[in-house]
């Protein structure tokens, strides 16, 4: 009976050691991958800031388009006046 217990204990000890080695290997992978994620995040942060800046510029662009449309409507009435000034200058 003592030999059987010793064999079972040894098998479980070897299995526990094997599982521990696998866990250490996997933990090493997690640490390595987390460092890569940190590096990639640091590299993409300036791009993200640029995207946010461009998105904010899109709102200003919409406002600029509205102002240009309003300006175009106001300047359409200047064509006859400009033609009259040209005719007077030509004599």
N, C-alpha and C. Protein backbone atom coordinates (compact mmCIF):
# COMPACT_ATOMS: atom_id res chain seq x y z
N UNK A 1 0.81 -1.19 0.00
CA UNK A 1 0.00 0.00 0.00
C UNK A 1 0.86 1.25 0.00
N UNK A 2 1.94 1.26 0.73
CA UNK A 2 2.82 2.41 0.80
C UNK A 2 3.46 2.68 -0.55
N UNK A 3 3.83 1.65 -1.28
CA UNK A 3 4.42 1.82 -2.60
C UNK A 3 3.40 2.43 -3.56
N UNK A 4 2.17 2.01 -3.49
CA UNK A 4 1.11 2.55 -4.35
C UNK A 4 0.92 4.04 -4.06
N UNK A 5 0.90 4.42 -2.82
CA UNK A 5 0.75 5.83 -2.46
C UNK A 5 1.94 6.63 -2.95
N UNK A 6 3.13 6.08 -2.83
CA UNK A 6 4.33 6.76 -3.28
C UNK A 6 4.32 6.95 -4.80
N UNK A 7 3.86 5.96 -5.55
CA UNK A 7 3.78 6.05 -7.01
C UNK A 7 2.75 7.10 -7.41
N UNK A 8 1.57 7.06 -6.79
CA UNK A 8 0.51 8.03 -7.11
C UNK A 8 1.00 9.43 -6.76
N UNK A 9 1.65 9.59 -5.61
CA UNK A 9 2.15 10.90 -5.19
C UNK A 9 3.19 11.42 -6.18
N UNK A 10 4.07 10.55 -6.64
CA UNK A 10 5.10 10.94 -7.60
C UNK A 10 4.48 11.35 -8.93
N UNK A 11 3.48 10.61 -9.39
CA UNK A 11 2.81 10.94 -10.66
C UNK A 11 2.16 12.32 -10.56
N UNK A 12 1.44 12.54 -9.45
CA UNK A 12 0.78 13.84 -9.29
C UNK A 12 1.79 14.97 -9.13
N UNK A 13 2.91 14.70 -8.49
CA UNK A 13 3.95 15.70 -8.33
C UNK A 13 4.55 16.07 -9.69
N UNK A 14 4.80 15.07 -10.52
CA UNK A 14 5.33 15.32 -11.87
C UNK A 14 4.30 16.09 -12.70
N UNK A 15 3.02 15.72 -12.59
CA UNK A 15 1.97 16.45 -13.32
C UNK A 15 1.89 17.90 -12.84
N UNK A 16 1.98 18.11 -11.53
CA UNK A 16 1.94 19.47 -10.99
C UNK A 16 3.13 20.28 -11.49
N UNK A 17 4.30 19.66 -11.54
CA UNK A 17 5.48 20.35 -12.05
C UNK A 17 5.29 20.70 -13.53
N UNK A 18 4.76 19.77 -14.30
CA UNK A 18 4.51 20.02 -15.72
C UNK A 18 3.51 21.15 -15.91
N UNK A 19 2.43 21.14 -15.14
CA UNK A 19 1.44 22.22 -15.25
C UNK A 19 2.04 23.56 -14.84
N UNK A 20 2.89 23.55 -13.83
CA UNK A 20 3.54 24.79 -13.39
C UNK A 20 4.46 25.33 -14.48
N UNK A 21 5.20 24.46 -15.14
CA UNK A 21 6.08 24.89 -16.24
C UNK A 21 5.26 25.47 -17.40
N UNK A 22 4.15 24.82 -17.70
CA UNK A 22 3.27 25.33 -18.77
C UNK A 22 2.72 26.70 -18.38
N UNK A 23 2.32 26.86 -17.12
CA UNK A 23 1.79 28.14 -16.66
C UNK A 23 2.85 29.24 -16.72
N UNK A 24 4.07 28.92 -16.35
CA UNK A 24 5.15 29.90 -16.42
C UNK A 24 5.40 30.30 -17.87
N UNK A 25 5.39 29.35 -18.77
CA UNK A 25 5.56 29.65 -20.19
C UNK A 25 4.44 30.56 -20.70
N UNK A 26 3.20 30.23 -20.35
CA UNK A 26 2.06 31.04 -20.79
C UNK A 26 2.11 32.44 -20.17
N UNK A 27 2.51 32.53 -18.93
CA UNK A 27 2.65 33.83 -18.27
C UNK A 27 3.73 34.67 -18.94
N UNK A 28 4.81 34.03 -19.34
CA UNK A 28 5.85 34.74 -20.10
C UNK A 28 5.30 35.30 -21.41
N UNK A 29 4.46 34.51 -22.09
CA UNK A 29 3.83 34.98 -23.33
C UNK A 29 2.93 36.18 -23.06
N UNK A 30 2.18 36.12 -21.96
CA UNK A 30 1.28 37.23 -21.62
C UNK A 30 2.09 38.50 -21.37
N UNK A 31 3.20 38.39 -20.66
CA UNK A 31 4.04 39.55 -20.39
C UNK A 31 4.62 40.11 -21.69
N UNK A 32 5.10 39.24 -22.54
CA UNK A 32 5.68 39.68 -23.82
C UNK A 32 4.63 40.36 -24.69
N UNK A 33 3.44 39.76 -24.76
CA UNK A 33 2.38 40.35 -25.58
C UNK A 33 1.87 41.66 -24.99
N UNK A 34 1.85 41.77 -23.68
CA UNK A 34 1.41 43.03 -23.08
C UNK A 34 2.41 44.15 -23.37
N UNK A 35 3.70 43.82 -23.44
CA UNK A 35 4.70 44.82 -23.82
C UNK A 35 4.50 45.25 -25.27
N UNK A 36 4.19 44.29 -26.14
CA UNK A 36 3.93 44.64 -27.54
C UNK A 36 2.69 45.52 -27.66
N UNK A 37 1.66 45.21 -26.88
CA UNK A 37 0.45 46.02 -26.91
C UNK A 37 0.76 47.44 -26.46
N UNK A 38 1.58 47.57 -25.43
CA UNK A 38 1.96 48.89 -24.93
C UNK A 38 2.72 49.67 -26.01
N UNK A 39 3.64 49.01 -26.71
CA UNK A 39 4.41 49.67 -27.77
C UNK A 39 3.49 50.08 -28.93
N UNK A 40 2.60 49.20 -29.32
CA UNK A 40 1.69 49.53 -30.42
C UNK A 40 0.73 50.65 -30.04
N UNK A 41 0.29 50.64 -28.79
CA UNK A 41 -0.59 51.71 -28.33
C UNK A 41 0.14 53.04 -28.36
N UNK A 42 1.39 53.05 -27.93
CA UNK A 42 2.18 54.28 -27.96
C UNK A 42 2.39 54.77 -29.39
N UNK A 43 2.52 53.83 -30.32
CA UNK A 43 2.73 54.21 -31.72
C UNK A 43 1.45 54.72 -32.37
N UNK A 44 0.30 54.22 -31.96
CA UNK A 44 -0.96 54.61 -32.59
C UNK A 44 -1.61 55.82 -31.92
N UNK A 45 -1.12 56.20 -30.75
CA UNK A 45 -1.72 57.33 -30.05
C UNK A 45 -1.64 58.63 -30.86
N UNK A 46 -0.51 58.98 -31.47
CA UNK A 46 -0.49 60.20 -32.28
C UNK A 46 -1.46 60.14 -33.46
N UNK A 47 -1.62 58.99 -34.05
CA UNK A 47 -2.58 58.85 -35.15
C UNK A 47 -4.00 59.06 -34.65
N UNK A 48 -4.30 58.54 -33.48
CA UNK A 48 -5.64 58.73 -32.92
C UNK A 48 -5.91 60.20 -32.63
N UNK A 49 -4.90 60.91 -32.14
CA UNK A 49 -5.05 62.34 -31.88
C UNK A 49 -5.29 63.07 -33.20
N UNK A 50 -4.57 62.68 -34.25
CA UNK A 50 -4.78 63.29 -35.57
C UNK A 50 -6.17 63.03 -36.11
N UNK A 51 -6.67 61.82 -35.91
CA UNK A 51 -8.02 61.49 -36.38
C UNK A 51 -9.05 62.36 -35.66
N UNK A 52 -8.87 62.52 -34.35
CA UNK A 52 -9.80 63.36 -33.59
C UNK A 52 -9.73 64.80 -34.09
N UNK A 53 -8.52 65.26 -34.37
CA UNK A 53 -8.37 66.62 -34.90
C UNK A 53 -9.03 66.78 -36.25
N UNK A 54 -8.89 65.79 -37.11
CA UNK A 54 -9.53 65.86 -38.43
C UNK A 54 -11.04 65.78 -38.32
N UNK A 55 -11.52 65.01 -37.36
CA UNK A 55 -12.96 64.92 -37.16
C UNK A 55 -13.51 66.26 -36.70
N UNK A 56 -12.77 66.94 -35.82
CA UNK A 56 -13.20 68.27 -35.39
C UNK A 56 -13.16 69.25 -36.54
N UNK A 57 -12.21 69.10 -37.44
CA UNK A 57 -12.12 69.98 -38.60
C UNK A 57 -13.30 69.76 -39.54
N UNK A 58 -13.87 68.58 -39.55
CA UNK A 58 -15.02 68.31 -40.42
C UNK A 58 -16.20 69.19 -40.02
N UNK A 59 -16.39 69.42 -38.74
CA UNK A 59 -17.46 70.31 -38.30
C UNK A 59 -17.24 71.73 -38.77
N UNK A 60 -15.99 72.19 -38.69
CA UNK A 60 -15.66 73.53 -39.18
C UNK A 60 -15.83 73.61 -40.70
N UNK A 61 -15.52 72.51 -41.39
CA UNK A 61 -15.70 72.48 -42.84
C UNK A 61 -17.17 72.60 -43.22
N UNK A 62 -18.04 71.95 -42.47
CA UNK A 62 -19.47 72.07 -42.72
C UNK A 62 -19.93 73.51 -42.55
N UNK A 63 -19.44 74.17 -41.52
CA UNK A 63 -19.80 75.57 -41.29
C UNK A 63 -19.26 76.45 -42.41
N UNK A 64 -18.05 76.15 -42.89
CA UNK A 64 -17.47 76.92 -44.00
C UNK A 64 -18.30 76.76 -45.26
N UNK A 65 -18.78 75.58 -45.53
CA UNK A 65 -19.62 75.35 -46.71
C UNK A 65 -20.91 76.16 -46.61
N UNK A 66 -21.49 76.20 -45.42
CA UNK A 66 -22.71 76.98 -45.23
C UNK A 66 -22.44 78.47 -45.46
N UNK A 67 -21.32 78.96 -44.95
CA UNK A 67 -20.98 80.37 -45.15
C UNK A 67 -20.72 80.70 -46.62
N UNK A 68 -20.07 79.79 -47.32
CA UNK A 68 -19.80 80.01 -48.75
C UNK A 68 -21.10 80.03 -49.54
N UNK A 69 -22.03 79.14 -49.19
CA UNK A 69 -23.33 79.14 -49.87
C UNK A 69 -24.06 80.45 -49.65
N UNK A 70 -24.05 80.94 -48.41
CA UNK A 70 -24.71 82.22 -48.12
C UNK A 70 -24.01 83.36 -48.86
N UNK A 71 -22.70 83.34 -48.92
CA UNK A 71 -21.95 84.38 -49.62
C UNK A 71 -22.24 84.35 -51.12
N UNK A 72 -22.37 83.16 -51.68
CA UNK A 72 -22.67 83.03 -53.10
C UNK A 72 -24.04 83.63 -53.42
N UNK A 73 -25.01 83.38 -52.54
CA UNK A 73 -26.34 83.95 -52.75
C UNK A 73 -26.31 85.47 -52.71
N UNK A 74 -25.49 86.03 -51.84
CA UNK A 74 -25.41 87.49 -51.73
C UNK A 74 -24.66 88.10 -52.91
N UNK A 75 -23.67 87.39 -53.44
CA UNK A 75 -22.88 87.95 -54.53
C UNK A 75 -23.56 87.80 -55.89
N UNK A 76 -24.58 86.96 -55.99
CA UNK A 76 -25.27 86.81 -57.28
C UNK A 76 -25.94 88.12 -57.69
N UNK A 77 -26.35 88.91 -56.72
CA UNK A 77 -26.97 90.20 -57.03
C UNK A 77 -25.96 91.25 -57.46
N UNK A 78 -24.68 90.99 -57.32
CA UNK A 78 -23.66 91.96 -57.70
C UNK A 78 -23.32 91.91 -59.19
N UNK A 79 -23.70 90.87 -59.89
CA UNK A 79 -23.36 90.75 -61.31
C UNK A 79 -23.90 91.92 -62.14
N UNK A 80 -25.17 92.28 -62.03
CA UNK A 80 -25.66 93.42 -62.83
C UNK A 80 -24.97 94.73 -62.45
N UNK A 81 -24.68 94.90 -61.17
CA UNK A 81 -24.00 96.13 -60.74
C UNK A 81 -22.58 96.19 -61.28
N UNK A 82 -21.90 95.05 -61.26
CA UNK A 82 -20.54 95.02 -61.80
C UNK A 82 -20.55 95.31 -63.29
N UNK A 83 -21.52 94.80 -63.99
CA UNK A 83 -21.62 95.06 -65.44
C UNK A 83 -21.88 96.54 -65.68
N UNK A 84 -22.69 97.17 -64.85
CA UNK A 84 -22.96 98.60 -65.01
C UNK A 84 -21.69 99.42 -64.76
N UNK A 85 -20.89 99.03 -63.78
CA UNK A 85 -19.65 99.76 -63.51
C UNK A 85 -18.70 99.61 -64.69
N UNK A 86 -18.62 98.44 -65.25
CA UNK A 86 -17.74 98.20 -66.39
C UNK A 86 -18.18 99.07 -67.58
N UNK A 87 -19.49 99.15 -67.83
CA UNK A 87 -20.00 99.95 -68.95
C UNK A 87 -19.67 101.43 -68.75
N UNK A 88 -19.79 101.92 -67.54
CA UNK A 88 -19.49 103.33 -67.28
C UNK A 88 -18.00 103.61 -67.44
N UNK A 89 -17.16 102.66 -67.00
CA UNK A 89 -15.73 102.88 -67.14
C UNK A 89 -15.28 102.85 -68.58
N UNK A 90 -15.95 102.04 -69.40
CA UNK A 90 -15.58 101.97 -70.81
C UNK A 90 -16.05 103.20 -71.54
N UNK A 91 -16.98 103.89 -71.01
CA UNK A 91 -17.35 105.15 -71.55
C UNK A 91 -18.59 105.30 -72.22
